Amino acid sequence: MRIDNSRARFLKKYEQRLKKVLVVGFAAGLLVCFMLNLVFNRIRIGGIDKKYKKQITELTEKNEKLSSQIKSGVSKKNTDASADELSSKEDSWSLVLINEENPLDTAYIPELEAVREGSFVDVRIVEDAKKMLEDAEKEGLNMYIVSAHRDYETQREVFNTTMTEWISKGSTPLEAYEETKKSVAVPGTSEHASGLAMDITSGQYGELDDKQAETDEAKWLAANCWKYGFILRYPLDKSDVTGIVFEPWHYRYVGKDAAKEIMEKDITLEEYLSN
């Protein structure tokens, strides 16, 4: 099936993504718990537990700290606010900021509709998304949706799979954890969970790297996405603002007016909202 092939392709290629986010809220607590379980139960080979005793202790302490934050409601306040705003009928729903400092409630599920077979987005943006892809194809371009909406469990699967691969290549648990954070968003901090983001590549070049920006498809999207309410979410030389390195495939819906201003001024969503 197409959705199975898409997921297999996504899981293979997402290891190459360079995406930096911090551990926050409930999702982070669960992931640290997973890591501890992974270390204890899946890589107990040749005295590895003893070798990594210090690292396991550090992870345990980190998990306890995160658990304390969750219980005190420090993280829940922000996640509740994001979910409420996304569900709102006010125009601001399309401008909800989701990042390391503004996580999204892991229980949030938007009303979804297929933009293409196997790829779903928030129903409120589906017509604009379809029009953008259709117009690109009329220009002879081949747009491929690597990923659209991803729920919490799917995001966790991607994160865990990538971390396990790093360990299998010889990385220590802490090294694997740090490397995975750079390329895969910790569940709860990914824009894909909102249904407002799509990863789009060229059908001729599917790698998730900087060379994607050189494809005709990426160039067309960068020049025209604003007409349909989308922005290039993580532009070049803006990682100090977004916390994420250049991703020429990640497009986020913000509405036509905001998209026009953001792309014309070459600013980020963070900068737009701060003004």
Protein backbone atom coordinates (compact mmCIF):
# COMPACT_ATOMS: atom_id res chain seq x y z
CA MET A 1 0.00 0.00 0.00
CA ARG A 2 1.12 3.59 -0.62
CA ILE A 3 0.94 4.58 3.06
CA ASP A 4 3.23 1.64 4.00
CA ASN A 5 5.75 2.59 1.33
CA SER A 6 5.61 6.23 2.41
CA ARG A 7 6.21 5.37 6.03
CA ALA A 8 9.10 3.02 5.16
CA ARG A 9 10.67 5.70 3.04
CA PHE A 10 10.14 8.30 5.75
CA LEU A 11 11.70 6.14 8.48
CA LYS A 12 14.74 5.47 6.30
CA LYS A 13 15.33 9.05 5.31
CA TYR A 14 14.49 10.83 8.54
CA GLU A 15 17.76 9.65 10.03
CA GLN A 16 19.39 12.26 7.82
CA ARG A 17 17.29 15.11 9.10
CA LEU A 18 18.94 17.73 11.22
CA LYS A 19 16.30 18.91 13.58
CA LYS A 20 17.15 20.27 17.01
CA VAL A 21 14.54 20.39 19.73
CA LEU A 22 14.67 20.17 23.53
CA VAL A 23 12.98 17.68 25.80
CA VAL A 24 9.72 19.14 27.10
CA GLY A 25 6.59 18.09 28.91
CA PHE A 26 4.90 14.77 28.99
CA ALA A 27 6.37 13.52 25.72
CA ALA A 28 9.90 14.06 26.93
CA GLY A 29 9.24 12.15 30.13
CA LEU A 30 7.94 9.18 28.19
CA LEU A 31 10.91 9.21 25.83
CA VAL A 32 13.44 9.22 28.63
CA CYS A 33 11.56 6.31 30.18
CA PHE A 34 11.80 4.52 26.85
CA MET A 35 15.52 5.12 26.67
CA LEU A 36 16.04 3.64 30.09
CA ASN A 37 13.98 0.63 29.12
CA LEU A 38 15.97 0.29 25.90
CA VAL A 39 19.27 0.36 27.71
CA PHE A 40 18.21 -2.16 30.33
CA ASN A 41 16.32 -4.59 28.10
CA ARG A 42 17.61 -4.37 24.53
CA ILE A 43 21.36 -3.74 24.70
CA ARG A 44 22.34 -5.80 27.71
CA ILE A 45 25.35 -7.33 25.95
CA GLY A 46 28.92 -7.89 27.15
CA GLY A 47 28.63 -5.93 30.38
CA ILE A 48 27.09 -2.91 28.68
CA ASP A 49 25.01 -2.05 31.75
CA LYS A 50 28.16 -1.66 33.80
CA LYS A 51 29.91 0.28 31.05
CA TYR A 52 27.05 2.78 30.83
CA LYS A 53 26.19 2.91 34.52
CA LYS A 54 27.04 6.63 34.80
CA GLN A 55 24.99 7.52 31.73
CA ILE A 56 22.02 5.48 32.94
CA THR A 57 22.21 7.33 36.26
CA GLU A 58 22.22 10.68 34.45
CA LEU A 59 19.19 9.68 32.40
CA THR A 60 17.38 8.53 35.51
CA GLU A 61 18.00 11.89 37.17
CA LYS A 62 16.78 13.70 34.04
CA ASN A 63 13.64 11.58 34.01
CA GLU A 64 12.93 12.34 37.66
CA LYS A 65 13.29 16.06 36.98
CA LEU A 66 10.91 15.88 34.02
CA SER A 67 8.41 13.86 36.01
CA SER A 68 8.48 16.53 38.70
CA GLN A 69 7.74 19.22 36.12
CA ILE A 70 4.84 17.23 34.73
CA LYS A 71 3.31 16.68 38.15
CA SER A 72 3.63 20.35 39.03
CA GLY A 73 1.84 21.31 35.82
CA VAL A 74 4.75 23.42 34.49
CA SER A 75 4.54 21.91 31.01
CA LYS A 76 0.81 21.18 30.92
CA LYS A 77 -0.13 24.87 30.98
CA ASN A 78 1.65 25.56 27.69
CA THR A 79 0.39 22.41 25.96
CA ASP A 80 -3.21 23.11 26.96
CA ALA A 81 -2.94 26.65 25.59
CA SER A 82 -1.65 25.43 22.21
CA ALA A 83 -4.37 22.81 21.86
CA ASP A 84 -7.11 25.27 22.80
CA GLU A 85 -5.89 27.84 20.29
CA LEU A 86 -5.64 25.27 17.49
CA SER A 87 -9.22 24.22 18.20
CA SER A 88 -10.45 27.80 18.29
CA LYS A 89 -12.68 29.30 15.60
CA GLU A 90 -10.70 32.53 15.84
CA ASP A 91 -8.35 33.39 12.97
CA SER A 92 -5.33 32.87 15.22
CA TRP A 93 -5.54 29.05 14.94
CA SER A 94 -3.30 29.08 11.88
CA LEU A 95 -0.56 30.99 13.72
CA VAL A 96 -0.12 28.70 16.73
CA LEU A 97 3.57 28.42 17.57
CA ILE A 98 4.81 24.89 18.20
CA ASN A 99 8.44 24.47 19.20
CA GLU A 100 10.65 23.51 22.13
CA GLU A 101 9.19 26.25 24.30
CA ASN A 102 5.62 25.80 23.09
CA PRO A 103 4.82 22.08 22.97
CA LEU A 104 1.49 20.70 21.86
CA ASP A 105 -0.74 18.51 23.99
CA THR A 106 0.04 14.91 22.96
CA ALA A 107 -3.68 14.12 23.03
CA TYR A 108 -4.54 16.78 20.44
CA ILE A 109 -5.92 15.35 17.19
CA PRO A 110 -7.09 17.74 14.45
CA GLU A 111 -9.98 17.00 12.12
CA LEU A 112 -8.16 15.51 9.16
CA GLU A 113 -8.73 15.12 5.44
CA ALA A 114 -6.53 13.53 2.80
CA VAL A 115 -4.52 15.95 0.69
CA ARG A 116 -3.29 12.91 -1.20
CA GLU A 117 -3.75 9.20 -0.67
CA GLY A 118 -2.07 8.32 2.63
CA SER A 119 -1.26 11.94 3.53
CA PHE A 120 -3.59 13.90 5.80
CA VAL A 121 -3.74 17.53 6.93
CA ASP A 122 -6.06 19.67 9.01
CA VAL A 123 -9.35 19.88 7.12
CA ARG A 124 -9.18 23.68 7.26
CA ILE A 125 -6.10 23.80 5.02
CA VAL A 126 -6.75 20.89 2.68
CA GLU A 127 -8.12 22.96 -0.22
CA ASP A 128 -5.17 25.36 -0.19
CA ALA A 129 -2.74 22.46 0.08
CA LYS A 130 -4.34 20.62 -2.84
CA LYS A 131 -4.36 23.76 -4.98
CA MET A 132 -0.67 24.35 -4.30
CA LEU A 133 0.25 20.82 -5.36
CA GLU A 134 -2.03 20.90 -8.39
CA ASP A 135 -0.63 24.21 -9.62
CA ALA A 136 2.91 22.90 -9.20
CA GLU A 137 2.07 19.84 -11.26
CA LYS A 138 0.61 22.05 -14.00
CA GLU A 139 4.11 23.54 -14.23
CA GLY A 140 5.50 20.07 -14.86
CA LEU A 141 6.79 19.56 -11.32
CA ASN A 142 6.65 16.30 -9.38
CA MET A 143 5.81 16.96 -5.74
CA TYR A 144 6.17 14.11 -3.26
CA ILE A 145 4.72 14.35 0.26
CA VAL A 146 7.15 12.58 2.57
CA SER A 147 5.04 13.29 5.63
CA ALA A 148 1.99 15.34 6.58
CA HIS A 149 0.08 14.78 9.83
CA ARG A 150 1.86 12.50 12.30
CA ASP A 151 0.28 11.62 15.62
CA TYR A 152 2.14 11.23 18.89
CA GLU A 153 2.62 7.47 18.59
CA THR A 154 4.02 7.71 15.06
CA GLN A 155 6.41 10.46 16.11
CA ARG A 156 7.55 8.34 19.05
CA GLU A 157 8.10 5.38 16.72
CA VAL A 158 10.29 7.48 14.44
CA PHE A 159 12.28 8.84 17.38
CA ASN A 160 12.78 5.43 18.96
CA THR A 161 13.74 3.78 15.67
CA THR A 162 16.33 6.43 14.91
CA MET A 163 17.81 6.25 18.40
CA THR A 164 18.09 2.46 18.18
CA GLU A 165 19.89 2.78 14.84
CA TRP A 166 22.45 5.14 16.37
CA ILE A 167 23.09 2.65 19.18
CA SER A 168 23.46 -0.21 16.67
CA LYS A 169 26.18 1.81 14.92
CA GLY A 170 28.21 2.02 18.11
CA SER A 171 26.95 5.19 19.77
CA THR A 172 26.53 5.19 23.54
CA PRO A 173 22.99 5.70 24.85
CA LEU A 174 23.64 9.37 25.64
CA GLU A 175 25.29 9.97 22.26
CA ALA A 176 22.38 8.26 20.48
CA TYR A 177 19.88 10.36 22.39
CA GLU A 178 21.65 13.63 21.58
CA GLU A 179 22.08 12.76 17.91
CA THR A 180 18.44 11.73 17.57
CA LYS A 181 17.25 15.05 19.01
CA LYS A 182 19.08 16.83 16.19
CA SER A 183 17.23 14.99 13.43
CA VAL A 184 13.86 13.97 14.87
CA ALA A 185 11.51 16.12 16.91
CA VAL A 186 10.66 14.78 20.33
CA PRO A 187 6.97 13.85 20.38
CA GLY A 188 4.98 16.80 21.63
CA THR A 189 7.15 19.39 19.88
CA SER A 190 6.52 18.50 16.24
CA GLU A 191 4.41 20.75 14.00
CA HIS A 192 3.24 17.66 12.14
CA ALA A 193 0.97 16.77 15.06
CA SER A 194 -1.04 19.94 14.40
CA GLY A 195 -1.94 18.89 10.87
CA LEU A 196 -0.61 22.21 9.57
CA ALA A 197 2.76 21.02 8.25
CA MET A 198 3.96 18.97 5.30
CA ASP A 199 7.38 17.69 4.28
CA ILE A 200 7.49 17.98 0.50
CA THR A 201 10.35 16.82 -1.73
CA SER A 202 11.01 16.44 -5.42
CA GLY A 203 9.81 13.19 -6.92
CA GLN A 204 13.19 12.96 -8.64
CA TYR A 205 15.25 13.66 -5.53
CA GLY A 206 13.90 12.45 -2.22
CA GLU A 207 16.81 12.99 0.12
CA LEU A 208 16.16 15.19 3.15
CA ASP A 209 19.29 17.29 2.90
CA ASP A 210 20.38 20.75 1.76
CA LYS A 211 20.57 19.61 -1.87
CA GLN A 212 16.79 19.38 -1.83
CA ALA A 213 16.79 23.19 -2.07
CA GLU A 214 18.42 22.92 -5.50
CA THR A 215 15.54 20.97 -7.04
CA ASP A 216 13.00 22.68 -9.29
CA GLU A 217 10.24 21.62 -6.93
CA ALA A 218 11.84 23.26 -3.90
CA LYS A 219 12.57 26.43 -5.83
CA TRP A 220 8.97 26.68 -6.99
CA LEU A 221 7.63 26.12 -3.46
CA ALA A 222 9.97 28.72 -1.98
CA ALA A 223 8.78 31.28 -4.52
CA ASN A 224 5.06 30.45 -4.53
CA CYS A 225 4.05 28.78 -1.26
CA TRP A 226 2.84 32.06 0.28
CA LYS A 227 0.08 32.34 -2.34
CA TYR A 228 -1.54 29.30 -0.74
CA GLY A 229 -0.95 30.29 2.88
CA PHE A 230 2.27 28.31 3.45
CA ILE A 231 5.76 29.33 4.52
CA LEU A 232 9.15 27.68 4.46
CA ARG A 233 9.20 27.10 8.19
CA TYR A 234 12.93 26.60 8.78
CA PRO A 235 14.80 28.85 6.33
CA LEU A 236 18.53 29.14 5.79
CA ASP A 237 20.56 31.00 8.42
CA LYS A 238 17.65 31.24 10.86
CA SER A 239 18.46 28.36 13.19
CA ASP A 240 19.39 30.83 15.93
CA VAL A 241 15.74 31.95 15.89
CA THR A 242 13.86 28.72 15.19
CA GLY A 243 16.22 26.33 16.94
CA ILE A 244 16.06 24.16 13.81
CA VAL A 245 18.59 23.91 10.99
CA PHE A 246 17.73 24.62 7.35
CA GLU A 247 14.94 22.32 6.13
CA PRO A 248 14.03 23.15 2.52
CA TRP A 249 11.27 20.53 2.57
CA HIS A 250 9.24 21.58 5.63
CA TYR A 251 6.25 23.82 4.86
CA ARG A 252 3.81 25.15 7.43
CA TYR A 253 0.38 26.71 6.90
CA VAL A 254 -0.09 30.13 8.55
CA GLY A 255 -2.78 31.73 6.36
CA LYS A 256 -2.36 33.83 3.21
CA ASP A 257 -1.87 37.26 4.78
CA ALA A 258 0.74 36.13 7.30
CA ALA A 259 2.48 33.94 4.72
CA LYS A 260 2.83 36.85 2.30
CA GLU A 261 4.44 39.09 4.91
CA ILE A 262 6.69 36.38 6.32
CA MET A 263 8.05 35.32 2.93
CA GLU A 264 8.42 38.88 1.60
CA LYS A 265 10.33 40.00 4.68
CA ASP A 266 12.35 36.78 4.87
CA ILE A 267 11.50 36.29 8.53
CA THR A 268 10.39 33.34 10.62
CA LEU A 269 7.11 32.59 12.33
CA GLU A 270 8.79 33.38 15.64
CA GLU A 271 9.84 36.82 14.38
CA TYR A 272 6.45 37.50 12.86
CA LEU A 273 4.65 36.72 16.11
CA SER A 274 7.10 38.69 18.23
CA ASN A 275 6.30 41.80 16.20
